[in-house]
Structures are given as structure tokens and as C-alpha cells.
Amino acid sequence: MKKLKEGNYDLLLADPVKAGSDLVADILGIPLVLSFRSSPVNNCERHCGQMPAPPSFVPGAMSKLTDKMDFSERVWNFLFYALHDIVINHTFWNVLDRYYSDVKGTPTSACELMSKADIWLIRTYWDFEFPRPFPPNFKYVGGIHCRPAKPLPEFVST
């Protein structure tokens, strides 16, 4: 951490699939930009990024439902969200929360630190998502990772 602090970085750009970038940004006191595809049932986006996703009309990711749900499908979607939230909270967030609290020396939650991200760059197209409101710091940047490959420089290929 000492070398990172001495580096005087302006920004941390990270993919939150690998945990810890939000903790590093917090310790260094620099802005955090998350480049993210999605999480199961949009758990991170809903709980940490405060993205509204009411199960009454936003199908859970991987649920195979559409936004044209009847009553029984809405109930199933609600249960789908609830079950995934319980499992993810017990298997993922609780472990990270303990680790983050140990590192910082004070009770801290990983979701709390992730929620401090200045911008969430979502690597998909908004038109592939189901209609719902998005927080102003969520920016859809689908396709930025889909460019033709450039040839390697000469010094690398030899």
C-alpha cells in the first residue's frame, strides 16, 4: 500500500468481479470507477449501486422470465430475487464484510464501499436490459470492448 500511496494516482478503474478495488480506492482516498457487466440477479447493482429493480416488473437475471409476467410469474420472480439475495449475502457479502472490517479496523461493509463508486460503467447495451430507472452514475458503455484487434508491435512479436 505504501507504493500505491506514493504513486499519487488520480483514479482507480476496476472490475468489481474481483473484490478489493473499492477497499484500495477508499484507503488511497481516490475516486473509484467500476467497469461492470452484471451480477447474479443484479445483486451488486441493486444493493450497492442503489439501482431500482422492483421484482414486480423487472425479471431477475437468469430467471428466464420476460417483462410480460402474469401474477404467478411475478410471485416466482419475487421469490427468485429473495432466494438469490439470501444466498449471495451469506456466501459472498458476509465474508467480504469481515475481511474489509479487519483491514480497515472499523466495522465496514463491502457494499458500503462499492456504493461510493463515482461512476459505474456497465458493459452492455441499455436496450438489452428490461425497462427500469437507472441511477445517474450508471453509464451504459456496451461495445467498448468489441473492437477489431490491432497487430502487435514489432518488438513484442520477435
N, C-alpha and C. Protein backbone atom coordinates (compact mmCIF):
# COMPACT_ATOMS: atom_id res chain seq x y z
N MET A 1 0.82 -1.18 0.00
CA MET A 1 0.00 0.00 0.00
C MET A 1 0.87 1.25 0.00
N LYS A 2 2.04 1.13 0.59
CA LYS A 2 2.92 2.30 0.65
C LYS A 2 3.29 2.76 -0.75
N LYS A 3 3.63 1.80 -1.63
CA LYS A 3 3.99 2.16 -3.02
C LYS A 3 2.81 2.77 -3.75
N LEU A 4 1.63 2.24 -3.51
CA LEU A 4 0.44 2.80 -4.16
C LEU A 4 0.18 4.22 -3.68
N LYS A 5 0.35 4.47 -2.38
CA LYS A 5 0.14 5.82 -1.86
C LYS A 5 1.17 6.79 -2.44
N GLU A 6 2.40 6.32 -2.59
CA GLU A 6 3.45 7.18 -3.15
C GLU A 6 3.24 7.45 -4.64
N GLY A 7 2.45 6.60 -5.30
CA GLY A 7 2.20 6.77 -6.73
C GLY A 7 1.31 7.95 -7.07
N ASN A 8 0.62 8.51 -6.09
CA ASN A 8 -0.27 9.66 -6.30
C ASN A 8 -1.21 9.45 -7.48
N TYR A 9 -1.92 8.35 -7.48
CA TYR A 9 -2.87 8.06 -8.56
C TYR A 9 -4.09 8.97 -8.46
N ASP A 10 -4.67 9.28 -9.61
CA ASP A 10 -5.83 10.16 -9.67
C ASP A 10 -7.15 9.40 -9.61
N LEU A 11 -7.12 8.11 -9.97
CA LEU A 11 -8.36 7.37 -10.16
C LEU A 11 -8.07 5.88 -10.13
N LEU A 12 -9.04 5.10 -9.68
CA LEU A 12 -8.93 3.65 -9.74
C LEU A 12 -10.06 3.13 -10.62
N LEU A 13 -9.70 2.49 -11.72
CA LEU A 13 -10.66 1.87 -12.64
C LEU A 13 -10.59 0.37 -12.40
N ALA A 14 -11.72 -0.25 -12.07
CA ALA A 14 -11.68 -1.66 -11.69
C ALA A 14 -12.95 -2.38 -12.09
N ASP A 15 -12.83 -3.70 -12.20
CA ASP A 15 -13.98 -4.57 -12.39
C ASP A 15 -14.28 -5.20 -11.03
N PRO A 16 -15.45 -4.95 -10.46
CA PRO A 16 -15.72 -5.44 -9.10
C PRO A 16 -15.92 -6.94 -8.99
N VAL A 17 -15.80 -7.67 -10.10
CA VAL A 17 -15.89 -9.13 -10.01
C VAL A 17 -14.76 -9.63 -9.11
N LYS A 18 -13.61 -8.99 -9.17
CA LYS A 18 -12.52 -9.29 -8.25
C LYS A 18 -12.62 -8.29 -7.10
N ALA A 19 -12.93 -8.76 -5.93
CA ALA A 19 -13.15 -7.87 -4.79
C ALA A 19 -11.86 -7.20 -4.34
N GLY A 20 -12.00 -6.03 -3.76
CA GLY A 20 -10.88 -5.34 -3.15
C GLY A 20 -10.56 -3.99 -3.74
N SER A 21 -10.97 -3.74 -4.97
CA SER A 21 -10.63 -2.46 -5.59
C SER A 21 -11.29 -1.29 -4.86
N ASP A 22 -12.50 -1.49 -4.38
CA ASP A 22 -13.18 -0.44 -3.64
C ASP A 22 -12.48 -0.15 -2.31
N LEU A 23 -11.94 -1.19 -1.69
CA LEU A 23 -11.19 -1.04 -0.45
C LEU A 23 -9.90 -0.26 -0.70
N VAL A 24 -9.20 -0.58 -1.78
CA VAL A 24 -7.96 0.12 -2.13
C VAL A 24 -8.26 1.59 -2.41
N ALA A 25 -9.30 1.87 -3.20
CA ALA A 25 -9.66 3.26 -3.51
C ALA A 25 -9.99 4.03 -2.23
N ASP A 26 -10.68 3.39 -1.31
CA ASP A 26 -11.03 4.05 -0.05
C ASP A 26 -9.78 4.35 0.78
N ILE A 27 -8.87 3.40 0.86
CA ILE A 27 -7.64 3.61 1.63
C ILE A 27 -6.79 4.70 1.00
N LEU A 28 -6.72 4.72 -0.34
CA LEU A 28 -5.92 5.74 -1.04
C LEU A 28 -6.63 7.09 -1.10
N GLY A 29 -7.93 7.10 -0.87
CA GLY A 29 -8.68 8.35 -0.93
C GLY A 29 -8.83 8.90 -2.33
N ILE A 30 -8.98 8.00 -3.32
CA ILE A 30 -9.12 8.44 -4.71
C ILE A 30 -10.47 7.99 -5.26
N PRO A 31 -10.95 8.65 -6.32
CA PRO A 31 -12.23 8.25 -6.93
C PRO A 31 -12.17 6.83 -7.49
N LEU A 32 -13.32 6.17 -7.48
CA LEU A 32 -13.44 4.80 -7.98
C LEU A 32 -14.41 4.77 -9.14
N VAL A 33 -13.99 4.17 -10.25
CA VAL A 33 -14.85 3.94 -11.41
C VAL A 33 -14.92 2.43 -11.61
N LEU A 34 -16.14 1.89 -11.59
CA LEU A 34 -16.33 0.46 -11.76
C LEU A 34 -16.74 0.16 -13.19
N SER A 35 -16.07 -0.80 -13.80
CA SER A 35 -16.42 -1.28 -15.14
C SER A 35 -17.00 -2.67 -14.93
N PHE A 36 -18.28 -2.82 -15.22
CA PHE A 36 -19.02 -3.96 -14.72
C PHE A 36 -19.94 -4.52 -15.79
N ARG A 37 -20.08 -5.83 -15.88
CA ARG A 37 -21.05 -6.44 -16.80
C ARG A 37 -22.39 -6.60 -16.09
N SER A 38 -22.43 -7.46 -15.10
CA SER A 38 -23.62 -7.62 -14.27
C SER A 38 -23.30 -8.63 -13.18
N SER A 39 -24.19 -8.69 -12.20
CA SER A 39 -24.05 -9.67 -11.13
C SER A 39 -25.31 -10.53 -11.12
N PRO A 40 -25.25 -11.70 -10.49
CA PRO A 40 -26.46 -12.54 -10.45
C PRO A 40 -27.64 -11.77 -9.85
N VAL A 41 -28.74 -11.76 -10.57
CA VAL A 41 -29.97 -11.07 -10.19
C VAL A 41 -29.68 -9.60 -9.86
N ASN A 42 -28.67 -9.05 -10.52
CA ASN A 42 -28.27 -7.65 -10.32
C ASN A 42 -28.12 -7.29 -8.85
N ASN A 43 -27.57 -8.22 -8.06
CA ASN A 43 -27.44 -8.03 -6.62
C ASN A 43 -26.57 -6.82 -6.29
N CYS A 44 -25.37 -6.73 -6.88
CA CYS A 44 -24.48 -5.60 -6.59
C CYS A 44 -25.10 -4.29 -7.03
N GLU A 45 -25.68 -4.29 -8.21
CA GLU A 45 -26.25 -3.06 -8.74
C GLU A 45 -27.41 -2.57 -7.88
N ARG A 46 -28.25 -3.50 -7.41
CA ARG A 46 -29.41 -3.12 -6.61
C ARG A 46 -29.03 -2.67 -5.20
N HIS A 47 -28.19 -3.47 -4.53
CA HIS A 47 -27.89 -3.18 -3.13
C HIS A 47 -26.77 -2.16 -2.95
N CYS A 48 -25.76 -2.22 -3.78
CA CYS A 48 -24.62 -1.31 -3.62
C CYS A 48 -24.77 -0.06 -4.48
N GLY A 49 -25.27 -0.21 -5.69
CA GLY A 49 -25.41 0.92 -6.59
C GLY A 49 -26.75 1.62 -6.51
N GLN A 50 -27.66 1.08 -5.68
CA GLN A 50 -28.99 1.66 -5.49
C GLN A 50 -29.80 1.74 -6.77
N MET A 51 -29.62 0.75 -7.67
CA MET A 51 -30.40 0.70 -8.90
C MET A 51 -31.75 0.07 -8.61
N PRO A 52 -32.84 0.80 -8.85
CA PRO A 52 -34.16 0.21 -8.61
C PRO A 52 -34.42 -0.95 -9.57
N ALA A 53 -34.91 -2.05 -9.04
CA ALA A 53 -35.28 -3.20 -9.87
C ALA A 53 -36.42 -3.93 -9.17
N PRO A 54 -37.61 -3.35 -9.17
CA PRO A 54 -38.73 -3.99 -8.49
C PRO A 54 -39.06 -5.34 -9.13
N PRO A 55 -39.12 -6.41 -8.34
CA PRO A 55 -39.40 -7.73 -8.91
C PRO A 55 -40.79 -7.83 -9.51
N SER A 56 -41.64 -6.84 -9.28
CA SER A 56 -42.98 -6.87 -9.86
C SER A 56 -42.94 -6.64 -11.37
N PHE A 57 -41.89 -5.98 -11.87
CA PHE A 57 -41.83 -5.79 -13.33
C PHE A 57 -40.44 -5.91 -13.93
N VAL A 58 -39.39 -6.14 -13.13
CA VAL A 58 -38.05 -6.35 -13.68
C VAL A 58 -37.65 -7.80 -13.40
N PRO A 59 -37.63 -8.65 -14.43
CA PRO A 59 -37.26 -10.05 -14.22
C PRO A 59 -35.83 -10.18 -13.72
N GLY A 60 -35.62 -11.10 -12.80
CA GLY A 60 -34.28 -11.36 -12.32
C GLY A 60 -33.41 -11.94 -13.43
N ALA A 61 -32.15 -11.49 -13.48
CA ALA A 61 -31.23 -12.04 -14.47
C ALA A 61 -31.14 -13.55 -14.27
N MET A 62 -31.18 -14.30 -15.32
CA MET A 62 -31.11 -15.75 -15.35
C MET A 62 -32.42 -16.42 -14.91
N SER A 63 -33.50 -15.67 -14.79
CA SER A 63 -34.77 -16.27 -14.37
C SER A 63 -35.57 -16.81 -15.55
N LYS A 64 -35.19 -16.47 -16.76
CA LYS A 64 -35.88 -16.86 -17.99
C LYS A 64 -37.27 -16.23 -18.12
N LEU A 65 -37.54 -15.22 -17.31
CA LEU A 65 -38.81 -14.51 -17.40
C LEU A 65 -38.66 -13.29 -18.29
N THR A 66 -39.78 -12.77 -18.75
CA THR A 66 -39.77 -11.53 -19.53
C THR A 66 -40.48 -10.45 -18.72
N ASP A 67 -40.53 -9.26 -19.26
CA ASP A 67 -41.22 -8.18 -18.55
C ASP A 67 -42.74 -8.27 -18.72
N LYS A 68 -43.22 -9.27 -19.41
CA LYS A 68 -44.66 -9.53 -19.57
C LYS A 68 -45.05 -10.71 -18.67
N MET A 69 -45.03 -10.50 -17.35
CA MET A 69 -45.28 -11.57 -16.39
C MET A 69 -46.73 -11.54 -15.92
N ASP A 70 -47.29 -12.73 -15.73
CA ASP A 70 -48.60 -12.81 -15.07
C ASP A 70 -48.36 -12.85 -13.55
N PHE A 71 -49.42 -12.97 -12.77
CA PHE A 71 -49.28 -12.90 -11.31
C PHE A 71 -48.37 -13.99 -10.75
N SER A 72 -48.55 -15.23 -11.20
CA SER A 72 -47.73 -16.32 -10.66
C SER A 72 -46.26 -16.14 -11.03
N GLU A 73 -45.98 -15.61 -12.21
CA GLU A 73 -44.59 -15.35 -12.60
C GLU A 73 -44.00 -14.21 -11.77
N ARG A 74 -44.80 -13.23 -11.41
CA ARG A 74 -44.32 -12.14 -10.55
C ARG A 74 -43.99 -12.67 -9.15
N VAL A 75 -44.82 -13.58 -8.65
CA VAL A 75 -44.54 -14.19 -7.35
C VAL A 75 -43.25 -15.00 -7.44
N TRP A 76 -43.11 -15.80 -8.50
CA TRP A 76 -41.88 -16.58 -8.71
C TRP A 76 -40.67 -15.65 -8.79
N ASN A 77 -40.80 -14.53 -9.50
CA ASN A 77 -39.70 -13.58 -9.65
C ASN A 77 -39.31 -12.98 -8.29
N PHE A 78 -40.31 -12.66 -7.48
CA PHE A 78 -40.05 -12.14 -6.13
C PHE A 78 -39.27 -13.18 -5.32
N LEU A 79 -39.70 -14.43 -5.35
CA LEU A 79 -39.01 -15.50 -4.63
C LEU A 79 -37.61 -15.72 -5.18
N PHE A 80 -37.46 -15.60 -6.49
CA PHE A 80 -36.16 -15.74 -7.15
C PHE A 80 -35.19 -14.68 -6.63
N TYR A 81 -35.64 -13.43 -6.59
CA TYR A 81 -34.82 -12.34 -6.04
C TYR A 81 -34.46 -12.62 -4.59
N ALA A 82 -35.47 -12.97 -3.78
CA ALA A 82 -35.25 -13.18 -2.35
C ALA A 82 -34.26 -14.32 -2.09
N LEU A 83 -34.44 -15.43 -2.79
CA LEU A 83 -33.54 -16.57 -2.61
C LEU A 83 -32.11 -16.21 -2.99
N HIS A 84 -31.93 -15.56 -4.13
CA HIS A 84 -30.58 -15.18 -4.54
C HIS A 84 -29.96 -14.18 -3.56
N ASP A 85 -30.74 -13.24 -3.09
CA ASP A 85 -30.21 -12.27 -2.12
C ASP A 85 -29.74 -12.96 -0.85
N ILE A 86 -30.53 -13.91 -0.35
CA ILE A 86 -30.15 -14.64 0.86
C ILE A 86 -28.86 -15.42 0.63
N VAL A 87 -28.79 -16.15 -0.47
CA VAL A 87 -27.60 -16.97 -0.76
C VAL A 87 -26.37 -16.08 -0.95
N ILE A 88 -26.50 -15.03 -1.74
CA ILE A 88 -25.35 -14.16 -2.01
C ILE A 88 -24.91 -13.44 -0.74
N ASN A 89 -25.85 -13.01 0.08
CA ASN A 89 -25.48 -12.34 1.33
C ASN A 89 -24.70 -13.27 2.25
N HIS A 90 -25.11 -14.53 2.34
CA HIS A 90 -24.44 -15.45 3.26
C HIS A 90 -23.14 -16.01 2.70
N THR A 91 -23.02 -16.14 1.40
CA THR A 91 -21.82 -16.74 0.83
C THR A 91 -20.79 -15.73 0.36
N PHE A 92 -21.20 -14.52 0.05
CA PHE A 92 -20.29 -13.55 -0.55
C PHE A 92 -20.10 -12.32 0.33
N TRP A 93 -21.19 -11.60 0.58
CA TRP A 93 -21.07 -10.33 1.30
C TRP A 93 -20.57 -10.51 2.72
N ASN A 94 -21.03 -11.52 3.44
CA ASN A 94 -20.60 -11.69 4.84
C ASN A 94 -19.10 -11.92 4.93
N VAL A 95 -18.55 -12.71 4.03
CA VAL A 95 -17.10 -12.96 4.02
C VAL A 95 -16.34 -11.68 3.73
N LEU A 96 -16.78 -10.95 2.71
CA LEU A 96 -16.11 -9.70 2.36
C LEU A 96 -16.23 -8.66 3.48
N ASP A 97 -17.39 -8.59 4.10
CA ASP A 97 -17.58 -7.61 5.17
C ASP A 97 -16.60 -7.85 6.32
N ARG A 98 -16.41 -9.11 6.69
CA ARG A 98 -15.45 -9.43 7.76
C ARG A 98 -14.04 -9.03 7.35
N TYR A 99 -13.66 -9.35 6.11
CA TYR A 99 -12.31 -9.02 5.63
C TYR A 99 -12.11 -7.50 5.59
N TYR A 100 -13.06 -6.79 5.01
CA TYR A 100 -12.94 -5.33 4.91
C TYR A 100 -12.86 -4.70 6.30
N SER A 101 -13.64 -5.19 7.24
CA SER A 101 -13.62 -4.66 8.61
C SER A 101 -12.27 -4.93 9.27
N ASP A 102 -11.69 -6.10 9.02
CA ASP A 102 -10.36 -6.41 9.57
C ASP A 102 -9.31 -5.47 9.00
N VAL A 103 -9.34 -5.24 7.70
CA VAL A 103 -8.34 -4.38 7.05
C VAL A 103 -8.47 -2.94 7.53
N LYS A 104 -9.69 -2.43 7.59
CA LYS A 104 -9.90 -1.03 7.97
C LYS A 104 -9.83 -0.80 9.48
N GLY A 105 -10.07 -1.85 10.26
CA GLY A 105 -10.04 -1.71 11.71
C GLY A 105 -11.33 -1.16 12.30
N THR A 106 -12.32 -0.93 11.47
CA THR A 106 -13.64 -0.47 11.92
C THR A 106 -14.70 -1.28 11.17
N PRO A 107 -15.89 -1.42 11.74
CA PRO A 107 -16.94 -2.14 11.02
C PRO A 107 -17.23 -1.47 9.67
N THR A 108 -17.04 -2.23 8.62
CA THR A 108 -17.21 -1.71 7.26
C THR A 108 -17.86 -2.79 6.42
N SER A 109 -18.73 -2.40 5.52
CA SER A 109 -19.30 -3.39 4.61
C SER A 109 -18.74 -3.16 3.21
N ALA A 110 -18.53 -4.25 2.50
CA ALA A 110 -18.03 -4.16 1.13
C ALA A 110 -19.02 -3.40 0.25
N CYS A 111 -20.28 -3.61 0.48
CA CYS A 111 -21.31 -2.94 -0.31
C CYS A 111 -21.29 -1.43 -0.06
N GLU A 112 -21.02 -1.04 1.17
CA GLU A 112 -20.93 0.38 1.50
C GLU A 112 -19.79 1.04 0.72
N LEU A 113 -18.64 0.37 0.66
CA LEU A 113 -17.50 0.94 -0.08
C LEU A 113 -17.77 0.94 -1.58
N MET A 114 -18.40 -0.13 -2.08
CA MET A 114 -18.72 -0.20 -3.51
C MET A 114 -19.71 0.90 -3.88
N SER A 115 -20.60 1.24 -2.96
CA SER A 115 -21.61 2.27 -3.25
C SER A 115 -20.99 3.65 -3.42
N LYS A 116 -19.75 3.82 -2.97
CA LYS A 116 -19.07 5.11 -3.11
C LYS A 116 -18.47 5.32 -4.50
N ALA A 117 -18.62 4.34 -5.38
CA ALA A 117 -18.07 4.48 -6.74
C ALA A 117 -18.68 5.71 -7.41
N ASP A 118 -17.83 6.50 -8.03
CA ASP A 118 -18.30 7.72 -8.69
C ASP A 118 -19.09 7.41 -9.95
N ILE A 119 -18.63 6.41 -10.70
CA ILE A 119 -19.31 6.02 -11.95
C ILE A 119 -19.30 4.50 -12.05
N TRP A 120 -20.40 3.95 -12.51
CA TRP A 120 -20.49 2.53 -12.83
C TRP A 120 -20.60 2.44 -14.35
N LEU A 121 -19.57 1.95 -15.00
CA LEU A 121 -19.60 1.74 -16.45
C LEU A 121 -20.14 0.33 -16.69
N ILE A 122 -21.35 0.24 -17.22
CA ILE A 122 -21.99 -1.05 -17.43
C ILE A 122 -21.70 -1.50 -18.85
N ARG A 123 -20.99 -2.63 -18.99
CA ARG A 123 -20.53 -3.10 -20.30
C ARG A 123 -21.57 -3.93 -21.03
N THR A 124 -22.70 -3.33 -21.26
CA THR A 124 -23.74 -3.92 -22.09
C THR A 124 -24.53 -2.76 -22.66
N TYR A 125 -25.46 -3.06 -23.52
CA TYR A 125 -26.28 -2.02 -24.11
C TYR A 125 -27.56 -1.87 -23.31
N TRP A 126 -27.99 -0.65 -23.07
CA TRP A 126 -29.20 -0.42 -22.27
C TRP A 126 -30.42 -1.03 -22.94
N ASP A 127 -30.39 -1.16 -24.27
CA ASP A 127 -31.56 -1.72 -24.95
C ASP A 127 -31.66 -3.23 -24.82
N PHE A 128 -30.65 -3.89 -24.23
CA PHE A 128 -30.74 -5.31 -23.92
C PHE A 128 -31.33 -5.53 -22.52
N GLU A 129 -31.46 -4.47 -21.77
CA GLU A 129 -31.97 -4.55 -20.40
C GLU A 129 -33.48 -4.36 -20.39
N PHE A 130 -34.12 -4.83 -19.34
CA PHE A 130 -35.55 -4.59 -19.18
C PHE A 130 -35.76 -3.16 -18.71
N PRO A 131 -36.87 -2.55 -19.09
CA PRO A 131 -37.11 -1.15 -18.70
C PRO A 131 -37.13 -0.98 -17.18
N ARG A 132 -36.41 0.00 -16.73
CA ARG A 132 -36.38 0.37 -15.31
C ARG A 132 -35.58 1.66 -15.18
N PRO A 133 -35.74 2.37 -14.09
CA PRO A 133 -34.94 3.58 -13.90
C PRO A 133 -33.50 3.21 -13.55
N PHE A 134 -32.57 4.06 -13.96
CA PHE A 134 -31.16 3.84 -13.65
C PHE A 134 -30.63 5.05 -12.89
N PRO A 135 -29.76 4.82 -11.91
CA PRO A 135 -29.14 5.96 -11.20
C PRO A 135 -28.32 6.79 -12.19
N PRO A 136 -28.13 8.07 -11.91
CA PRO A 136 -27.40 8.94 -12.85
C PRO A 136 -25.93 8.57 -13.02
N ASN A 137 -25.35 7.84 -12.06
CA ASN A 137 -23.94 7.47 -12.21
C ASN A 137 -23.74 6.12 -12.90
N PHE A 138 -24.81 5.51 -13.42
CA PHE A 138 -24.72 4.29 -14.21
C PHE A 138 -24.68 4.69 -15.69
N LYS A 139 -23.60 4.36 -16.36
CA LYS A 139 -23.45 4.71 -17.77
C LYS A 139 -23.27 3.42 -18.58
N TYR A 140 -24.16 3.23 -19.54
CA TYR A 140 -24.07 2.05 -20.39
C TYR A 140 -23.06 2.30 -21.49
N VAL A 141 -22.03 1.46 -21.55
CA VAL A 141 -20.93 1.63 -22.50
C VAL A 141 -20.72 0.35 -23.30
N GLY A 142 -21.80 -0.32 -23.65
CA GLY A 142 -21.70 -1.57 -24.40
C GLY A 142 -20.91 -1.39 -25.68
N GLY A 143 -20.06 -2.34 -25.96
CA GLY A 143 -19.30 -2.32 -27.20
C GLY A 143 -17.91 -1.74 -27.08
N ILE A 144 -17.56 -1.13 -25.94
CA ILE A 144 -16.22 -0.54 -25.85
C ILE A 144 -15.14 -1.62 -25.87
N HIS A 145 -15.53 -2.83 -25.56
CA HIS A 145 -14.58 -3.93 -25.52
C HIS A 145 -14.64 -4.78 -26.80
N CYS A 146 -15.38 -4.33 -27.81
CA CYS A 146 -15.59 -5.11 -29.03
C CYS A 146 -15.03 -4.36 -30.24
N ARG A 147 -13.75 -4.29 -30.32
CA ARG A 147 -13.11 -3.63 -31.45
C ARG A 147 -12.21 -4.64 -32.15
N PRO A 148 -11.97 -4.44 -33.44
CA PRO A 148 -11.03 -5.34 -34.12
C PRO A 148 -9.65 -5.26 -33.47
N ALA A 149 -9.01 -6.40 -33.37
CA ALA A 149 -7.68 -6.45 -32.77
C ALA A 149 -6.67 -5.74 -33.65
N LYS A 150 -5.74 -5.05 -33.01
CA LYS A 150 -4.65 -4.40 -33.74
C LYS A 150 -3.45 -5.34 -33.71
N PRO A 151 -2.62 -5.29 -34.75
CA PRO A 151 -1.43 -6.15 -34.73
C PRO A 151 -0.48 -5.74 -33.60
N LEU A 152 0.24 -6.73 -33.09
CA LEU A 152 1.20 -6.45 -32.03
C LEU A 152 2.36 -5.64 -32.59
N PRO A 153 2.96 -4.78 -31.77
CA PRO A 153 4.15 -4.04 -32.22
C PRO A 153 5.29 -5.01 -32.54
N GLU A 154 6.19 -4.58 -33.37
CA GLU A 154 7.31 -5.43 -33.80
C GLU A 154 8.11 -5.98 -32.63
N PHE A 155 8.41 -5.13 -31.64
CA PHE A 155 9.27 -5.58 -30.55
C PHE A 155 8.61 -6.69 -29.72
N VAL A 156 7.30 -6.81 -29.74
CA VAL A 156 6.60 -7.85 -28.99
C VAL A 156 6.58 -9.16 -29.76
N SER A 157 6.43 -9.07 -31.06
CA SER A 157 6.28 -10.29 -31.86
C SER A 157 7.61 -10.98 -32.17
N THR A 158 8.72 -10.38 -31.83
CA THR A 158 10.01 -11.03 -32.09
C THR A 158 10.52 -11.77 -30.89
